[in-house]
Amino acid sequence: MVSTPIGNLGDITLRALAVLRQASLICCEDTRHARPLLDRYGIGTPTQALHEHNEASAVPR
């Protein structure tokens, strides 16, 4: 789990960026909100929306 800035995208840590780059998939509450951060830092890791309305069907058991 990686926390991301809620305001200034420049506030993300170097370690958080490294983890996001190394992940095979990034699950996020809203991919439309995550994409600007990922694009800013050149992170092309695939994303998948995961939130209370889809968690039962989005995560394999």
N, C-alpha and C. Protein backbone atom coordinates (compact mmCIF):
# COMPACT_ATOMS: atom_id res chain seq x y z
N MET A 1 0.85 -1.15 0.00
CA MET A 1 0.00 0.00 0.00
C MET A 1 0.91 1.23 0.00
N VAL A 2 0.60 2.16 -0.86
CA VAL A 2 1.38 3.39 -1.00
C VAL A 2 0.43 4.57 -0.87
N SER A 3 0.76 5.47 0.03
CA SER A 3 -0.06 6.69 0.12
C SER A 3 0.46 7.69 -0.91
N THR A 4 -0.45 8.46 -1.46
CA THR A 4 -0.09 9.46 -2.47
C THR A 4 -0.55 10.83 -1.99
N PRO A 5 0.04 11.89 -2.51
CA PRO A 5 -0.31 13.24 -2.07
C PRO A 5 -1.77 13.56 -2.38
N ILE A 6 -2.41 14.29 -1.48
CA ILE A 6 -3.79 14.71 -1.74
C ILE A 6 -3.84 16.13 -2.29
N GLY A 7 -2.72 16.79 -2.34
CA GLY A 7 -2.67 18.15 -2.87
C GLY A 7 -1.62 18.27 -3.95
N ASN A 8 -0.44 18.67 -3.57
CA ASN A 8 0.66 18.89 -4.49
C ASN A 8 1.29 17.56 -4.91
N LEU A 9 1.26 17.25 -6.20
CA LEU A 9 1.83 15.99 -6.69
C LEU A 9 3.32 15.89 -6.42
N GLY A 10 3.98 17.01 -6.21
CA GLY A 10 5.41 17.03 -5.92
C GLY A 10 5.74 16.55 -4.51
N ASP A 11 4.72 16.31 -3.69
CA ASP A 11 4.95 15.88 -2.31
C ASP A 11 5.14 14.37 -2.17
N ILE A 12 5.08 13.62 -3.26
CA ILE A 12 5.24 12.17 -3.17
C ILE A 12 6.70 11.84 -2.84
N THR A 13 6.91 10.75 -2.11
CA THR A 13 8.28 10.38 -1.73
C THR A 13 8.96 9.56 -2.82
N LEU A 14 10.28 9.55 -2.78
CA LEU A 14 11.05 8.75 -3.74
C LEU A 14 10.76 7.27 -3.57
N ARG A 15 10.58 6.84 -2.33
CA ARG A 15 10.27 5.42 -2.09
C ARG A 15 8.91 5.06 -2.67
N ALA A 16 7.93 5.93 -2.53
CA ALA A 16 6.61 5.66 -3.10
C ALA A 16 6.70 5.52 -4.61
N LEU A 17 7.47 6.39 -5.25
CA LEU A 17 7.64 6.31 -6.70
C LEU A 17 8.30 5.00 -7.10
N ALA A 18 9.30 4.57 -6.34
CA ALA A 18 9.99 3.31 -6.64
C ALA A 18 9.03 2.13 -6.53
N VAL A 19 8.21 2.12 -5.51
CA VAL A 19 7.25 1.03 -5.32
C VAL A 19 6.24 1.01 -6.46
N LEU A 20 5.74 2.17 -6.85
CA LEU A 20 4.77 2.24 -7.95
C LEU A 20 5.39 1.77 -9.26
N ARG A 21 6.65 2.07 -9.48
CA ARG A 21 7.33 1.63 -10.70
C ARG A 21 7.56 0.12 -10.73
N GLN A 22 7.78 -0.47 -9.56
CA GLN A 22 8.08 -1.90 -9.48
C GLN A 22 6.84 -2.78 -9.45
N ALA A 23 5.70 -2.20 -9.17
CA ALA A 23 4.46 -2.99 -9.06
C ALA A 23 4.04 -3.51 -10.43
N SER A 24 3.39 -4.66 -10.45
CA SER A 24 2.86 -5.20 -11.70
C SER A 24 1.46 -4.67 -11.98
N LEU A 25 0.77 -4.19 -10.94
CA LEU A 25 -0.57 -3.61 -11.08
C LEU A 25 -0.78 -2.62 -9.95
N ILE A 26 -1.37 -1.48 -10.26
CA ILE A 26 -1.71 -0.49 -9.24
C ILE A 26 -3.23 -0.45 -9.11
N CYS A 27 -3.73 -0.83 -7.94
CA CYS A 27 -5.15 -0.73 -7.64
C CYS A 27 -5.38 0.62 -6.97
N CYS A 28 -6.33 1.37 -7.49
CA CYS A 28 -6.58 2.70 -6.95
C CYS A 28 -8.08 2.95 -6.91
N GLU A 29 -8.48 3.84 -6.03
CA GLU A 29 -9.91 4.12 -5.88
C GLU A 29 -10.49 4.70 -7.17
N ASP A 30 -9.75 5.59 -7.81
CA ASP A 30 -10.24 6.21 -9.04
C ASP A 30 -9.06 6.38 -9.99
N THR A 31 -9.06 5.64 -11.08
CA THR A 31 -7.94 5.69 -12.03
C THR A 31 -7.80 7.07 -12.66
N ARG A 32 -8.90 7.81 -12.76
CA ARG A 32 -8.83 9.16 -13.34
C ARG A 32 -8.04 10.10 -12.45
N HIS A 33 -8.03 9.84 -11.15
CA HIS A 33 -7.27 10.68 -10.22
C HIS A 33 -5.82 10.21 -10.12
N ALA A 34 -5.60 8.92 -10.27
CA ALA A 34 -4.24 8.37 -10.18
C ALA A 34 -3.42 8.69 -11.42
N ARG A 35 -4.05 8.71 -12.58
CA ARG A 35 -3.33 8.86 -13.84
C ARG A 35 -2.46 10.12 -13.90
N PRO A 36 -2.93 11.31 -13.48
CA PRO A 36 -2.06 12.49 -13.55
C PRO A 36 -0.75 12.32 -12.76
N LEU A 37 -0.83 11.70 -11.60
CA LEU A 37 0.37 11.46 -10.80
C LEU A 37 1.29 10.48 -11.52
N LEU A 38 0.74 9.39 -12.01
CA LEU A 38 1.56 8.38 -12.69
C LEU A 38 2.17 8.95 -13.96
N ASP A 39 1.40 9.71 -14.71
CA ASP A 39 1.92 10.32 -15.94
C ASP A 39 3.03 11.32 -15.65
N ARG A 40 2.86 12.10 -14.60
CA ARG A 40 3.86 13.11 -14.26
C ARG A 40 5.24 12.49 -14.03
N TYR A 41 5.25 11.29 -13.44
CA TYR A 41 6.51 10.63 -13.11
C TYR A 41 6.86 9.50 -14.07
N GLY A 42 6.16 9.42 -15.20
CA GLY A 42 6.48 8.43 -16.22
C GLY A 42 6.27 6.99 -15.79
N ILE A 43 5.27 6.76 -14.97
CA ILE A 43 4.99 5.41 -14.48
C ILE A 43 3.89 4.80 -15.35
N GLY A 44 4.25 3.75 -16.08
CA GLY A 44 3.32 3.14 -17.01
C GLY A 44 2.65 1.88 -16.49
N THR A 45 2.79 1.62 -15.21
CA THR A 45 2.19 0.44 -14.60
C THR A 45 0.68 0.44 -14.83
N PRO A 46 0.10 -0.69 -15.24
CA PRO A 46 -1.35 -0.75 -15.42
C PRO A 46 -2.10 -0.45 -14.12
N THR A 47 -3.27 0.16 -14.26
CA THR A 47 -4.09 0.49 -13.10
C THR A 47 -5.43 -0.23 -13.17
N GLN A 48 -6.03 -0.43 -12.00
CA GLN A 48 -7.36 -1.01 -11.91
C GLN A 48 -8.10 -0.31 -10.79
N ALA A 49 -9.34 0.09 -11.05
CA ALA A 49 -10.15 0.71 -10.01
C ALA A 49 -10.54 -0.33 -8.97
N LEU A 50 -10.42 0.03 -7.71
CA LEU A 50 -10.81 -0.85 -6.61
C LEU A 50 -11.40 0.02 -5.52
N HIS A 51 -12.69 -0.13 -5.28
CA HIS A 51 -13.37 0.68 -4.27
C HIS A 51 -14.53 -0.13 -3.69
N GLU A 52 -15.25 0.45 -2.75
CA GLU A 52 -16.29 -0.29 -2.03
C GLU A 52 -17.39 -0.84 -2.93
N HIS A 53 -17.60 -0.24 -4.09
CA HIS A 53 -18.68 -0.69 -4.97
C HIS A 53 -18.28 -1.84 -5.89
N ASN A 54 -16.99 -2.11 -6.03
CA ASN A 54 -16.58 -3.18 -6.94
C ASN A 54 -15.60 -4.17 -6.31
N GLU A 55 -15.25 -4.01 -5.04
CA GLU A 55 -14.20 -4.84 -4.47
C GLU A 55 -14.55 -6.33 -4.47
N ALA A 56 -15.81 -6.68 -4.33
CA ALA A 56 -16.17 -8.10 -4.30
C ALA A 56 -15.94 -8.76 -5.66
N SER A 57 -16.15 -8.02 -6.73
CA SER A 57 -15.99 -8.60 -8.07
C SER A 57 -14.62 -8.32 -8.68
N ALA A 58 -13.91 -7.30 -8.19
CA ALA A 58 -12.63 -6.91 -8.80
C ALA A 58 -11.45 -7.74 -8.32
N VAL A 59 -11.54 -8.30 -7.13
CA VAL A 59 -10.42 -9.04 -6.55
C VAL A 59 -10.73 -10.53 -6.59
N PRO A 60 -9.90 -11.31 -7.28
CA PRO A 60 -10.13 -12.77 -7.29
C PRO A 60 -9.97 -13.35 -5.90
N ARG A 61 -10.77 -14.31 -5.58
CA ARG A 61 -10.71 -14.96 -4.25
C ARG A 61 -9.92 -16.25 -4.34
